[in-house]
Amino acid sequence: MEYNRIIAITGLGGLFELLSSKSDGAIVKSLEDQQTRFVSSRVHNFSHLESIEVYTNRENINLVDLFKAIQDSGEALPQEKDASAVKAFFVKVYPDLDFDRIYNSDMKKMVKWYALLTAAGVELKLSNEGEEEAHEAAVEAVAEEATAEPAAEPAPKKAAKKKAAEASSEAPAADAPAADAPAPAPKKKAAKPAASGDEPAPAKKAAPKKK
């Protein structure tokens, strides 16, 4: 079960897994009794746990950071109804909390929520933590490539370039005739044919011989 799907609903105790959303509400499943039901958004408000922050004497922290502190401390959870025991518990677990702005009812609620999350096997992890880790790894890889010595570039092949330049300068242009080639003989003009309207002159008859 993913932490980013866990929500709190005003007017309803405990925590719920968000199964699906609708225009007028959502279908949720209780982490306490595992019952599924529809909850109207017109009557109740929904709050994702990963969007909840907790007051401290410095900057606010995400609720999941407080849950991780409880997990890492190894302290046994106090009785929810014992207000003094609950406050003493958080003083040990996270002494930097701003206890002037955090009510006892809030601390009791956080103790109950932590117990429900651990019982349900929910991993205490924000949905964008995996993306941040991948981004940091990518940044480190880029930094390593930048500091690495660049590979030596191969020397340019000067001899090949020189031969290619000489060959291009010695070769005659494609359209220019060779210098030693003989000039082509001029073509004889063909006799102009007679016009179609002209008739050939009649041949003269030879004079008869005298006897």
N, C-alpha and C. Protein backbone atom coordinates (compact mmCIF):
# COMPACT_ATOMS: atom_id res chain seq x y z
N MET A 1 0.85 -1.19 0.00
CA MET A 1 0.00 0.00 0.00
C MET A 1 0.88 1.24 0.00
N GLU A 2 0.58 2.18 -0.87
CA GLU A 2 1.42 3.36 -1.02
C GLU A 2 0.97 4.48 -0.09
N TYR A 3 1.97 5.18 0.45
CA TYR A 3 1.69 6.25 1.41
C TYR A 3 0.91 7.40 0.76
N ASN A 4 1.16 7.67 -0.52
CA ASN A 4 0.50 8.81 -1.17
C ASN A 4 -0.98 8.58 -1.42
N ARG A 5 -1.50 7.38 -1.15
CA ARG A 5 -2.92 7.09 -1.33
C ARG A 5 -3.67 7.08 0.00
N ILE A 6 -2.97 7.41 1.07
CA ILE A 6 -3.59 7.42 2.40
C ILE A 6 -4.14 8.81 2.68
N ILE A 7 -5.39 8.89 3.11
CA ILE A 7 -6.03 10.17 3.38
C ILE A 7 -6.70 10.15 4.74
N ALA A 8 -6.91 11.35 5.28
CA ALA A 8 -7.72 11.56 6.48
C ALA A 8 -8.99 12.27 6.05
N ILE A 9 -10.10 11.94 6.68
CA ILE A 9 -11.40 12.50 6.32
C ILE A 9 -12.00 13.17 7.54
N THR A 10 -12.38 14.43 7.37
CA THR A 10 -12.99 15.15 8.49
C THR A 10 -14.32 14.49 8.88
N GLY A 11 -14.53 14.39 10.19
CA GLY A 11 -15.75 13.77 10.70
C GLY A 11 -15.69 12.28 10.83
N LEU A 12 -14.62 11.66 10.29
CA LEU A 12 -14.45 10.21 10.38
C LEU A 12 -13.09 9.92 11.02
N GLY A 13 -13.09 9.05 12.01
CA GLY A 13 -11.84 8.71 12.67
C GLY A 13 -11.00 7.75 11.85
N GLY A 14 -9.70 7.70 12.15
CA GLY A 14 -8.81 6.77 11.48
C GLY A 14 -8.29 7.30 10.16
N LEU A 15 -7.75 6.37 9.37
CA LEU A 15 -7.20 6.69 8.06
C LEU A 15 -7.85 5.81 7.01
N PHE A 16 -7.75 6.26 5.74
CA PHE A 16 -8.40 5.55 4.65
C PHE A 16 -7.48 5.51 3.43
N GLU A 17 -7.61 4.44 2.67
CA GLU A 17 -6.92 4.33 1.39
C GLU A 17 -7.87 4.82 0.31
N LEU A 18 -7.39 5.74 -0.52
CA LEU A 18 -8.20 6.27 -1.61
C LEU A 18 -8.17 5.29 -2.77
N LEU A 19 -9.34 4.72 -3.08
CA LEU A 19 -9.42 3.74 -4.16
C LEU A 19 -9.74 4.40 -5.49
N SER A 20 -10.70 5.31 -5.49
CA SER A 20 -11.05 6.02 -6.72
C SER A 20 -11.77 7.30 -6.36
N SER A 21 -11.64 8.29 -7.25
CA SER A 21 -12.26 9.60 -7.03
C SER A 21 -13.41 9.79 -8.00
N LYS A 22 -14.42 10.51 -7.56
CA LYS A 22 -15.55 10.87 -8.39
C LYS A 22 -15.81 12.36 -8.25
N SER A 23 -16.72 12.87 -9.08
CA SER A 23 -16.99 14.30 -9.07
C SER A 23 -17.64 14.75 -7.76
N ASP A 24 -18.35 13.85 -7.11
CA ASP A 24 -19.05 14.22 -5.87
C ASP A 24 -18.52 13.52 -4.64
N GLY A 25 -17.36 12.88 -4.75
CA GLY A 25 -16.81 12.20 -3.59
C GLY A 25 -15.73 11.21 -3.96
N ALA A 26 -15.57 10.17 -3.14
CA ALA A 26 -14.53 9.18 -3.38
C ALA A 26 -14.91 7.85 -2.75
N ILE A 27 -14.37 6.79 -3.31
CA ILE A 27 -14.52 5.45 -2.73
C ILE A 27 -13.25 5.15 -1.95
N VAL A 28 -13.40 4.86 -0.66
CA VAL A 28 -12.26 4.68 0.22
C VAL A 28 -12.39 3.36 0.98
N LYS A 29 -11.25 2.93 1.51
CA LYS A 29 -11.23 1.72 2.33
C LYS A 29 -10.56 2.04 3.66
N SER A 30 -11.20 1.71 4.75
CA SER A 30 -10.69 2.02 6.07
C SER A 30 -9.50 1.13 6.41
N LEU A 31 -8.46 1.73 7.00
CA LEU A 31 -7.30 0.95 7.43
C LEU A 31 -7.59 0.17 8.71
N GLU A 32 -8.68 0.54 9.41
CA GLU A 32 -9.01 -0.14 10.67
C GLU A 32 -9.83 -1.40 10.44
N ASP A 33 -10.96 -1.28 9.75
CA ASP A 33 -11.84 -2.44 9.57
C ASP A 33 -11.85 -2.97 8.14
N GLN A 34 -11.06 -2.32 7.23
CA GLN A 34 -10.94 -2.77 5.84
C GLN A 34 -12.26 -2.70 5.08
N GLN A 35 -13.22 -1.92 5.56
CA GLN A 35 -14.49 -1.78 4.86
C GLN A 35 -14.38 -0.70 3.78
N THR A 36 -15.01 -0.96 2.65
CA THR A 36 -15.03 -0.02 1.54
C THR A 36 -16.37 0.70 1.49
N ARG A 37 -16.32 1.99 1.25
CA ARG A 37 -17.56 2.77 1.18
C ARG A 37 -17.34 4.05 0.37
N PHE A 38 -18.46 4.67 0.01
CA PHE A 38 -18.42 5.95 -0.68
C PHE A 38 -18.60 7.08 0.33
N VAL A 39 -17.74 8.12 0.19
CA VAL A 39 -17.80 9.28 1.07
C VAL A 39 -18.04 10.51 0.22
N SER A 40 -19.05 11.27 0.55
CA SER A 40 -19.41 12.45 -0.24
C SER A 40 -18.49 13.61 0.08
N SER A 41 -18.03 14.29 -0.95
CA SER A 41 -17.19 15.47 -0.76
C SER A 41 -18.01 16.70 -0.37
N ARG A 42 -19.31 16.62 -0.46
CA ARG A 42 -20.16 17.73 -0.04
C ARG A 42 -20.30 17.79 1.48
N VAL A 43 -20.05 16.66 2.11
CA VAL A 43 -20.19 16.57 3.57
C VAL A 43 -18.83 16.54 4.26
N HIS A 44 -17.84 15.91 3.64
CA HIS A 44 -16.54 15.71 4.25
C HIS A 44 -15.43 16.33 3.40
N ASN A 45 -14.34 16.64 4.05
CA ASN A 45 -13.12 17.11 3.38
C ASN A 45 -12.06 16.02 3.45
N PHE A 46 -11.25 15.94 2.38
CA PHE A 46 -10.21 14.93 2.29
C PHE A 46 -8.84 15.60 2.40
N SER A 47 -7.93 14.97 3.12
CA SER A 47 -6.56 15.48 3.26
C SER A 47 -5.58 14.34 3.04
N HIS A 48 -4.72 14.48 2.03
CA HIS A 48 -3.66 13.49 1.82
C HIS A 48 -2.61 13.65 2.91
N LEU A 49 -2.18 12.54 3.47
CA LEU A 49 -1.19 12.61 4.54
C LEU A 49 0.12 13.23 4.07
N GLU A 50 0.51 12.98 2.83
CA GLU A 50 1.79 13.50 2.37
C GLU A 50 1.78 15.00 2.15
N SER A 51 0.61 15.64 2.25
CA SER A 51 0.52 17.10 2.13
C SER A 51 0.45 17.80 3.49
N ILE A 52 0.44 17.02 4.58
CA ILE A 52 0.32 17.59 5.93
C ILE A 52 1.70 17.93 6.47
N GLU A 53 1.84 19.11 7.06
CA GLU A 53 3.09 19.54 7.69
C GLU A 53 2.89 19.72 9.19
N VAL A 54 4.01 19.68 9.91
CA VAL A 54 3.99 19.77 11.38
C VAL A 54 4.85 20.95 11.80
N TYR A 55 4.38 21.73 12.76
CA TYR A 55 5.13 22.89 13.26
C TYR A 55 6.35 22.44 14.05
N THR A 56 7.46 23.14 13.81
CA THR A 56 8.67 22.96 14.62
C THR A 56 9.20 24.35 14.99
N ASN A 57 10.25 24.38 15.81
CA ASN A 57 10.84 25.66 16.19
C ASN A 57 11.64 26.28 15.05
N ARG A 58 11.82 25.54 13.99
CA ARG A 58 12.51 26.06 12.81
C ARG A 58 11.54 26.02 11.63
N GLU A 59 11.92 25.36 10.57
CA GLU A 59 11.00 25.22 9.44
C GLU A 59 10.05 24.04 9.67
N ASN A 60 8.87 24.14 9.09
CA ASN A 60 7.91 23.04 9.21
C ASN A 60 8.47 21.79 8.53
N ILE A 61 8.08 20.65 9.04
CA ILE A 61 8.50 19.38 8.46
C ILE A 61 7.27 18.64 7.95
N ASN A 62 7.48 17.75 7.02
CA ASN A 62 6.38 16.91 6.54
C ASN A 62 6.04 15.87 7.60
N LEU A 63 4.77 15.50 7.65
CA LEU A 63 4.33 14.53 8.65
C LEU A 63 5.09 13.21 8.53
N VAL A 64 5.46 12.84 7.31
CA VAL A 64 6.18 11.58 7.13
C VAL A 64 7.55 11.62 7.80
N ASP A 65 8.16 12.81 7.90
CA ASP A 65 9.45 12.93 8.58
C ASP A 65 9.30 12.67 10.08
N LEU A 66 8.18 13.10 10.63
CA LEU A 66 7.93 12.80 12.04
C LEU A 66 7.68 11.32 12.26
N PHE A 67 6.96 10.70 11.33
CA PHE A 67 6.73 9.25 11.43
C PHE A 67 8.04 8.48 11.33
N LYS A 68 8.94 8.94 10.46
CA LYS A 68 10.24 8.27 10.35
C LYS A 68 11.06 8.43 11.61
N ALA A 69 10.95 9.60 12.25
CA ALA A 69 11.66 9.82 13.52
C ALA A 69 11.13 8.88 14.59
N ILE A 70 9.82 8.67 14.61
CA ILE A 70 9.24 7.71 15.57
C ILE A 70 9.75 6.31 15.28
N GLN A 71 9.80 5.96 14.00
CA GLN A 71 10.27 4.63 13.60
C GLN A 71 11.73 4.41 13.98
N ASP A 72 12.57 5.44 13.76
CA ASP A 72 14.00 5.30 14.04
C ASP A 72 14.31 5.33 15.55
N SER A 73 13.42 5.94 16.32
CA SER A 73 13.69 6.07 17.76
C SER A 73 13.58 4.73 18.50
N GLY A 74 12.70 3.87 18.02
CA GLY A 74 12.49 2.59 18.71
C GLY A 74 11.70 2.71 19.99
N GLU A 75 11.15 3.89 20.28
CA GLU A 75 10.36 4.10 21.48
C GLU A 75 8.99 3.43 21.33
N ALA A 76 8.49 2.87 22.43
CA ALA A 76 7.16 2.27 22.43
C ALA A 76 6.11 3.37 22.40
N LEU A 77 5.04 3.12 21.65
CA LEU A 77 3.99 4.12 21.54
C LEU A 77 3.24 4.25 22.88
N PRO A 78 2.93 5.48 23.27
CA PRO A 78 2.20 5.69 24.54
C PRO A 78 0.70 5.43 24.36
N GLN A 79 -0.01 5.40 25.46
CA GLN A 79 -1.46 5.29 25.42
C GLN A 79 -2.05 6.60 24.90
N GLU A 80 -2.94 6.50 23.96
CA GLU A 80 -3.47 7.70 23.33
C GLU A 80 -4.21 8.61 24.31
N LYS A 81 -4.86 8.04 25.30
CA LYS A 81 -5.67 8.84 26.22
C LYS A 81 -4.83 9.55 27.28
N ASP A 82 -3.59 9.15 27.43
CA ASP A 82 -2.72 9.76 28.44
C ASP A 82 -1.98 10.95 27.79
N ALA A 83 -2.49 12.16 27.99
CA ALA A 83 -1.96 13.35 27.32
C ALA A 83 -0.52 13.62 27.72
N SER A 84 -0.20 13.48 29.02
CA SER A 84 1.16 13.76 29.48
C SER A 84 2.16 12.75 28.92
N ALA A 85 1.75 11.48 28.82
CA ALA A 85 2.63 10.44 28.27
C ALA A 85 2.86 10.68 26.77
N VAL A 86 1.82 11.15 26.07
CA VAL A 86 1.94 11.42 24.64
C VAL A 86 2.92 12.56 24.40
N LYS A 87 2.80 13.63 25.21
CA LYS A 87 3.72 14.76 25.03
C LYS A 87 5.15 14.36 25.37
N ALA A 88 5.32 13.60 26.47
CA ALA A 88 6.67 13.15 26.84
C ALA A 88 7.26 12.28 25.74
N PHE A 89 6.43 11.52 25.07
CA PHE A 89 6.90 10.67 23.97
C PHE A 89 7.45 11.52 22.83
N PHE A 90 6.74 12.56 22.43
CA PHE A 90 7.20 13.40 21.33
C PHE A 90 8.40 14.26 21.72
N VAL A 91 8.52 14.58 23.00
CA VAL A 91 9.71 15.32 23.45
C VAL A 91 10.95 14.45 23.25
N LYS A 92 10.84 13.17 23.46
CA LYS A 92 11.96 12.26 23.25
C LYS A 92 12.22 12.03 21.76
N VAL A 93 11.15 11.83 21.03
CA VAL A 93 11.27 11.45 19.63
C VAL A 93 11.71 12.62 18.77
N TYR A 94 11.08 13.79 18.98
CA TYR A 94 11.37 14.97 18.16
C TYR A 94 11.29 16.21 19.04
N PRO A 95 12.32 16.51 19.81
CA PRO A 95 12.27 17.63 20.77
C PRO A 95 12.14 19.00 20.13
N ASP A 96 12.39 19.10 18.81
CA ASP A 96 12.33 20.40 18.15
C ASP A 96 10.90 20.78 17.72
N LEU A 97 9.90 19.99 18.05
CA LEU A 97 8.52 20.34 17.72
C LEU A 97 8.10 21.60 18.48
N ASP A 98 7.25 22.36 17.84
CA ASP A 98 6.73 23.57 18.48
C ASP A 98 5.49 23.17 19.28
N PHE A 99 5.69 22.85 20.55
CA PHE A 99 4.60 22.35 21.38
C PHE A 99 3.60 23.45 21.76
N ASP A 100 3.95 24.70 21.51
CA ASP A 100 3.01 25.78 21.77
C ASP A 100 1.92 25.84 20.70
N ARG A 101 2.21 25.36 19.52
CA ARG A 101 1.23 25.41 18.42
C ARG A 101 0.66 24.04 18.07
N ILE A 102 1.17 22.98 18.67
CA ILE A 102 0.65 21.63 18.42
C ILE A 102 -0.20 21.23 19.63
N TYR A 103 -1.45 20.96 19.38
CA TYR A 103 -2.37 20.60 20.46
C TYR A 103 -2.19 19.13 20.86
N ASN A 104 -2.64 18.85 22.08
CA ASN A 104 -2.58 17.46 22.55
C ASN A 104 -3.43 16.54 21.68
N SER A 105 -4.56 17.07 21.20
CA SER A 105 -5.42 16.25 20.32
C SER A 105 -4.68 15.89 19.02
N ASP A 106 -3.85 16.81 18.53
CA ASP A 106 -3.08 16.52 17.31
C ASP A 106 -2.03 15.44 17.58
N MET A 107 -1.36 15.52 18.72
CA MET A 107 -0.34 14.52 19.04
C MET A 107 -0.96 13.14 19.24
N LYS A 108 -2.16 13.10 19.88
CA LYS A 108 -2.85 11.82 20.05
C LYS A 108 -3.21 11.22 18.69
N LYS A 109 -3.67 12.11 17.80
CA LYS A 109 -4.05 11.65 16.45
C LYS A 109 -2.84 11.10 15.71
N MET A 110 -1.70 11.74 15.83
CA MET A 110 -0.50 11.28 15.12
C MET A 110 -0.02 9.95 15.66
N VAL A 111 -0.16 9.73 16.95
CA VAL A 111 0.19 8.43 17.52
C VAL A 111 -0.71 7.33 16.95
N LYS A 112 -2.02 7.62 16.87
CA LYS A 112 -2.96 6.64 16.33
C LYS A 112 -2.68 6.38 14.85
N TRP A 113 -2.42 7.44 14.09
CA TRP A 113 -2.14 7.28 12.66
C TRP A 113 -0.90 6.43 12.44
N TYR A 114 0.14 6.68 13.22
CA TYR A 114 1.37 5.90 13.05
C TYR A 114 1.10 4.42 13.32
N ALA A 115 0.30 4.13 14.35
CA ALA A 115 -0.02 2.74 14.67
C ALA A 115 -0.80 2.09 13.52
N LEU A 116 -1.72 2.81 12.90
CA LEU A 116 -2.50 2.27 11.79
C LEU A 116 -1.62 2.02 10.56
N LEU A 117 -0.71 2.94 10.28
CA LEU A 117 0.16 2.80 9.10
C LEU A 117 1.09 1.61 9.24
N THR A 118 1.68 1.46 10.40
CA THR A 118 2.60 0.33 10.60
C THR A 118 1.85 -1.00 10.60
N ALA A 119 0.64 -1.02 11.15
CA ALA A 119 -0.15 -2.26 11.16
C ALA A 119 -0.56 -2.65 9.75
N ALA A 120 -0.80 -1.66 8.89
CA ALA A 120 -1.20 -1.94 7.50
C ALA A 120 -0.01 -2.18 6.59
N GLY A 121 1.20 -2.02 7.09
CA GLY A 121 2.39 -2.25 6.28
C GLY A 121 2.65 -1.18 5.24
N VAL A 122 2.22 0.06 5.52
CA VAL A 122 2.43 1.16 4.58
C VAL A 122 3.87 1.64 4.67
N GLU A 123 4.53 1.77 3.53
CA GLU A 123 5.90 2.29 3.51
C GLU A 123 5.88 3.80 3.69
N LEU A 124 6.63 4.28 4.67
CA LEU A 124 6.65 5.72 4.98
C LEU A 124 7.59 6.43 4.01
N LYS A 125 7.04 6.73 2.87
CA LYS A 125 7.85 7.33 1.82
C LYS A 125 6.97 8.20 0.94
N LEU A 126 7.43 9.43 0.65
CA LEU A 126 6.70 10.32 -0.23
C LEU A 126 6.78 9.83 -1.67
N SER A 127 5.80 10.20 -2.47
CA SER A 127 5.74 9.71 -3.84
C SER A 127 6.86 10.26 -4.71
N ASN A 128 7.41 11.45 -4.38
CA ASN A 128 8.45 12.07 -5.21
C ASN A 128 9.86 11.78 -4.71
N GLU A 129 9.99 10.96 -3.68
CA GLU A 129 11.35 10.66 -3.17
C GLU A 129 12.13 9.84 -4.16
N GLY A 130 11.48 8.92 -4.85
CA GLY A 130 12.17 8.12 -5.86
C GLY A 130 12.65 8.97 -7.01
N GLU A 131 11.86 9.96 -7.42
CA GLU A 131 12.26 10.86 -8.50
C GLU A 131 13.45 11.70 -8.08
N GLU A 132 13.46 12.17 -6.81
CA GLU A 132 14.58 12.98 -6.33
C GLU A 132 15.87 12.17 -6.29
N GLU A 133 15.78 10.90 -5.85
CA GLU A 133 16.96 10.05 -5.81
C GLU A 133 17.51 9.82 -7.22
N ALA A 134 16.62 9.58 -8.18
CA ALA A 134 17.08 9.37 -9.56
C ALA A 134 17.71 10.63 -10.11
N HIS A 135 17.14 11.79 -9.76
CA HIS A 135 17.71 13.07 -10.23
C HIS A 135 19.10 13.28 -9.65
N GLU A 136 19.27 13.01 -8.34
CA GLU A 136 20.58 13.17 -7.72
C GLU A 136 21.62 12.24 -8.35
N ALA A 137 21.21 11.00 -8.65
CA ALA A 137 22.14 10.06 -9.29
C ALA A 137 22.55 10.57 -10.67
N ALA A 138 21.60 11.13 -11.41
CA ALA A 138 21.91 11.66 -12.74
C ALA A 138 22.87 12.84 -12.65
N VAL A 139 22.67 13.71 -11.65
CA VAL A 139 23.56 14.87 -11.46
C VAL A 139 24.97 14.40 -11.13
N GLU A 140 25.09 13.40 -10.28
CA GLU A 140 26.41 12.87 -9.92
C GLU A 140 27.10 12.27 -11.14
N ALA A 141 26.35 11.57 -11.98
CA ALA A 141 26.94 10.97 -13.17
C ALA A 141 27.46 12.04 -14.13
N VAL A 142 26.70 13.12 -14.28
CA VAL A 142 27.14 14.21 -15.15
C VAL A 142 28.40 14.87 -14.60
N ALA A 143 28.46 15.03 -13.27
CA ALA A 143 29.62 15.64 -12.65
C ALA A 143 30.86 14.78 -12.84
N GLU A 144 30.71 13.46 -12.75
CA GLU A 144 31.85 12.56 -12.95
C GLU A 144 32.35 12.63 -14.39
N GLU A 145 31.43 12.72 -15.34
CA GLU A 145 31.85 12.82 -16.74
C GLU A 145 32.57 14.13 -17.02
N ALA A 146 32.14 15.20 -16.33
CA ALA A 146 32.76 16.51 -16.55
C ALA A 146 34.19 16.54 -16.02
N THR A 147 34.44 15.86 -14.89
CA THR A 147 35.78 15.87 -14.29
C THR A 147 36.73 14.87 -14.94
N ALA A 148 36.19 13.91 -15.67
CA ALA A 148 37.04 12.91 -16.32
C ALA A 148 37.85 13.55 -17.44
N GLU A 149 39.08 13.00 -17.69
CA GLU A 149 39.94 13.53 -18.74
C GLU A 149 39.35 13.23 -20.11
N PRO A 150 39.29 14.23 -20.99
CA PRO A 150 38.72 13.96 -22.32
C PRO A 150 39.63 13.05 -23.14
N ALA A 151 39.03 12.22 -23.93
CA ALA A 151 39.79 11.30 -24.77
C ALA A 151 40.53 12.07 -25.86
N ALA A 152 41.77 11.61 -26.19
CA ALA A 152 42.58 12.30 -27.20
C ALA A 152 41.94 12.14 -28.57
N GLU A 153 41.85 13.25 -29.28
CA GLU A 153 41.26 13.20 -30.61
C GLU A 153 42.28 12.69 -31.62
N PRO A 154 41.88 11.89 -32.59
CA PRO A 154 42.84 11.39 -33.59
C PRO A 154 43.39 12.53 -34.44
N ALA A 155 44.72 12.43 -34.77
CA ALA A 155 45.37 13.47 -35.57
C ALA A 155 44.76 13.50 -36.96
N PRO A 156 44.57 14.69 -37.52
CA PRO A 156 43.98 14.76 -38.87
C PRO A 156 44.93 14.19 -39.91
N LYS A 157 44.38 13.55 -40.88
CA LYS A 157 45.18 12.93 -41.92
C LYS A 157 45.57 14.00 -42.94
N LYS A 158 46.75 14.65 -42.69
CA LYS A 158 47.20 15.74 -43.56
C LYS A 158 47.57 15.24 -44.95
N ALA A 159 48.23 14.07 -45.00
CA ALA A 159 48.69 13.57 -46.29
C ALA A 159 47.51 13.32 -47.22
N ALA A 160 46.47 12.73 -46.69
CA ALA A 160 45.31 12.43 -47.54
C ALA A 160 44.66 13.70 -48.03
N LYS A 161 44.55 14.72 -47.12
CA LYS A 161 43.96 15.99 -47.52
C LYS A 161 44.79 16.68 -48.60
N LYS A 162 46.18 16.61 -48.49
CA LYS A 162 47.07 17.26 -49.45
C LYS A 162 46.94 16.63 -50.83
N LYS A 163 46.88 15.29 -50.88
CA LYS A 163 46.75 14.60 -52.16
C LYS A 163 45.42 14.95 -52.82
N ALA A 164 44.37 15.04 -51.99
CA ALA A 164 43.07 15.36 -52.56
C ALA A 164 43.06 16.76 -53.13
N ALA A 165 43.77 17.71 -52.47
CA ALA A 165 43.82 19.09 -52.97
C ALA A 165 44.60 19.16 -54.27
N GLU A 166 45.76 18.41 -54.37
CA GLU A 166 46.56 18.42 -55.58
C GLU A 166 45.77 17.83 -56.75
N ALA A 167 45.05 16.76 -56.47
CA ALA A 167 44.29 16.11 -57.54
C ALA A 167 43.20 17.02 -58.06
N SER A 168 42.57 17.76 -57.15
CA SER A 168 41.49 18.65 -57.58
C SER A 168 42.02 19.83 -58.37
N SER A 169 43.27 20.32 -58.08
CA SER A 169 43.83 21.46 -58.79
C SER A 169 44.36 21.07 -60.16
N GLU A 170 44.87 19.82 -60.33
CA GLU A 170 45.43 19.37 -61.60
C GLU A 170 44.36 18.90 -62.57
N ALA A 171 43.25 18.47 -62.09
CA ALA A 171 42.22 17.94 -62.99
C ALA A 171 41.60 19.07 -63.78
N PRO A 172 41.46 18.92 -65.16
CA PRO A 172 40.85 20.00 -65.97
C PRO A 172 39.37 20.11 -65.67
N ALA A 173 38.86 21.28 -65.93
CA ALA A 173 37.43 21.48 -65.72
C ALA A 173 36.66 20.61 -66.68
N ALA A 174 35.49 20.24 -66.28
CA ALA A 174 34.70 19.30 -67.10
C ALA A 174 34.27 19.92 -68.41
N ASP A 175 34.00 21.23 -68.42
CA ASP A 175 33.48 21.87 -69.63
C ASP A 175 34.59 22.42 -70.53
N ALA A 176 35.84 22.54 -70.07
CA ALA A 176 36.92 23.13 -70.86
C ALA A 176 37.56 22.07 -71.74
N PRO A 177 37.85 22.34 -73.00
CA PRO A 177 38.49 21.34 -73.88
C PRO A 177 39.95 21.20 -73.53
N ALA A 178 40.52 20.04 -73.82
CA ALA A 178 41.93 19.81 -73.54
C ALA A 178 42.77 20.73 -74.41
N ALA A 179 43.96 21.15 -73.90
CA ALA A 179 44.81 22.11 -74.60
C ALA A 179 45.40 21.50 -75.86
N ASP A 180 45.81 20.21 -75.86
CA ASP A 180 46.50 19.58 -76.99
C ASP A 180 45.53 19.00 -78.02
N ALA A 181 44.28 18.99 -77.76
CA ALA A 181 43.35 18.36 -78.69
C ALA A 181 43.16 19.24 -79.91
N PRO A 182 43.18 18.68 -81.17
CA PRO A 182 43.01 19.49 -82.39
C PRO A 182 41.63 20.07 -82.45
N ALA A 183 41.55 21.26 -83.05
CA ALA A 183 40.25 21.92 -83.17
C ALA A 183 39.42 21.16 -84.19
N PRO A 184 38.18 21.01 -83.95
CA PRO A 184 37.33 20.25 -84.89
C PRO A 184 37.20 20.99 -86.21
N ALA A 185 37.24 20.22 -87.37
CA ALA A 185 37.13 20.83 -88.71
C ALA A 185 35.76 21.43 -88.88
N PRO A 186 35.71 22.61 -89.54
CA PRO A 186 34.39 23.24 -89.74
C PRO A 186 33.55 22.40 -90.68
N LYS A 187 32.31 22.35 -90.39
CA LYS A 187 31.40 21.55 -91.20
C LYS A 187 31.04 22.32 -92.48
N LYS A 188 31.02 21.58 -93.65
CA LYS A 188 30.64 22.20 -94.91
C LYS A 188 29.15 22.46 -94.92
N LYS A 189 28.85 23.64 -95.46
CA LYS A 189 27.45 23.98 -95.51
C LYS A 189 26.77 23.17 -96.60
N ALA A 190 25.67 22.63 -96.32
CA ALA A 190 24.91 21.86 -97.30
C ALA A 190 24.33 22.78 -98.37
N ALA A 191 24.28 22.30 -99.61
CA ALA A 191 23.73 23.12 -100.70
C ALA A 191 22.30 23.44 -100.41
N LYS A 192 21.97 24.67 -100.68
CA LYS A 192 20.62 25.12 -100.40
C LYS A 192 19.71 24.57 -101.48
N PRO A 193 18.72 23.85 -101.10
CA PRO A 193 17.81 23.27 -102.10
C PRO A 193 17.03 24.36 -102.79
N ALA A 194 16.66 24.08 -104.01
CA ALA A 194 15.88 25.07 -104.77
C ALA A 194 14.54 25.24 -104.15
N ALA A 195 14.01 26.41 -104.33
CA ALA A 195 12.69 26.66 -103.76
C ALA A 195 11.69 25.77 -104.46
N SER A 196 10.68 25.45 -103.80
CA SER A 196 9.70 24.51 -104.35
C SER A 196 8.99 25.08 -105.56
N GLY A 197 8.92 26.41 -105.67
CA GLY A 197 8.20 27.02 -106.80
C GLY A 197 9.06 27.16 -108.05
N ASP A 198 10.40 27.04 -108.01
CA ASP A 198 11.30 27.24 -109.16
C ASP A 198 11.40 25.96 -109.97
N GLU A 199 11.37 26.04 -111.27
CA GLU A 199 11.54 24.88 -112.14
C GLU A 199 12.93 24.95 -112.77
N PRO A 200 13.58 23.83 -113.01
CA PRO A 200 14.92 23.85 -113.62
C PRO A 200 14.86 24.35 -115.06
N ALA A 201 15.88 25.12 -115.52
CA ALA A 201 15.91 25.69 -116.90
C ALA A 201 16.00 24.55 -117.90
N PRO A 202 15.30 24.63 -119.01
CA PRO A 202 15.33 23.53 -120.01
C PRO A 202 16.70 23.46 -120.70
N ALA A 203 17.15 22.29 -120.95
CA ALA A 203 18.46 22.11 -121.60
C ALA A 203 18.37 22.51 -123.07
N LYS A 204 19.45 23.17 -123.62
CA LYS A 204 19.47 23.61 -125.01
C LYS A 204 19.75 22.43 -125.92
N LYS A 205 19.00 22.39 -127.08
CA LYS A 205 19.19 21.30 -128.03
C LYS A 205 20.40 21.59 -128.90
N ALA A 206 21.12 20.55 -129.21
CA ALA A 206 22.32 20.73 -130.06
C ALA A 206 21.91 21.04 -131.52
N ALA A 207 22.66 21.89 -132.21
CA ALA A 207 22.35 22.29 -133.58
C ALA A 207 22.56 21.10 -134.52
N PRO A 208 21.69 20.88 -135.53
CA PRO A 208 21.86 19.72 -136.45
C PRO A 208 23.09 19.91 -137.35
N LYS A 209 23.75 18.80 -137.59
CA LYS A 209 24.97 18.86 -138.44
C LYS A 209 24.58 19.05 -139.90
N LYS A 210 25.42 19.89 -140.61
CA LYS A 210 25.16 20.14 -142.06
C LYS A 210 25.70 18.97 -142.86
N LYS A 211 24.96 18.60 -143.93
CA LYS A 211 25.40 17.52 -144.81
C LYS A 211 26.26 18.07 -145.89
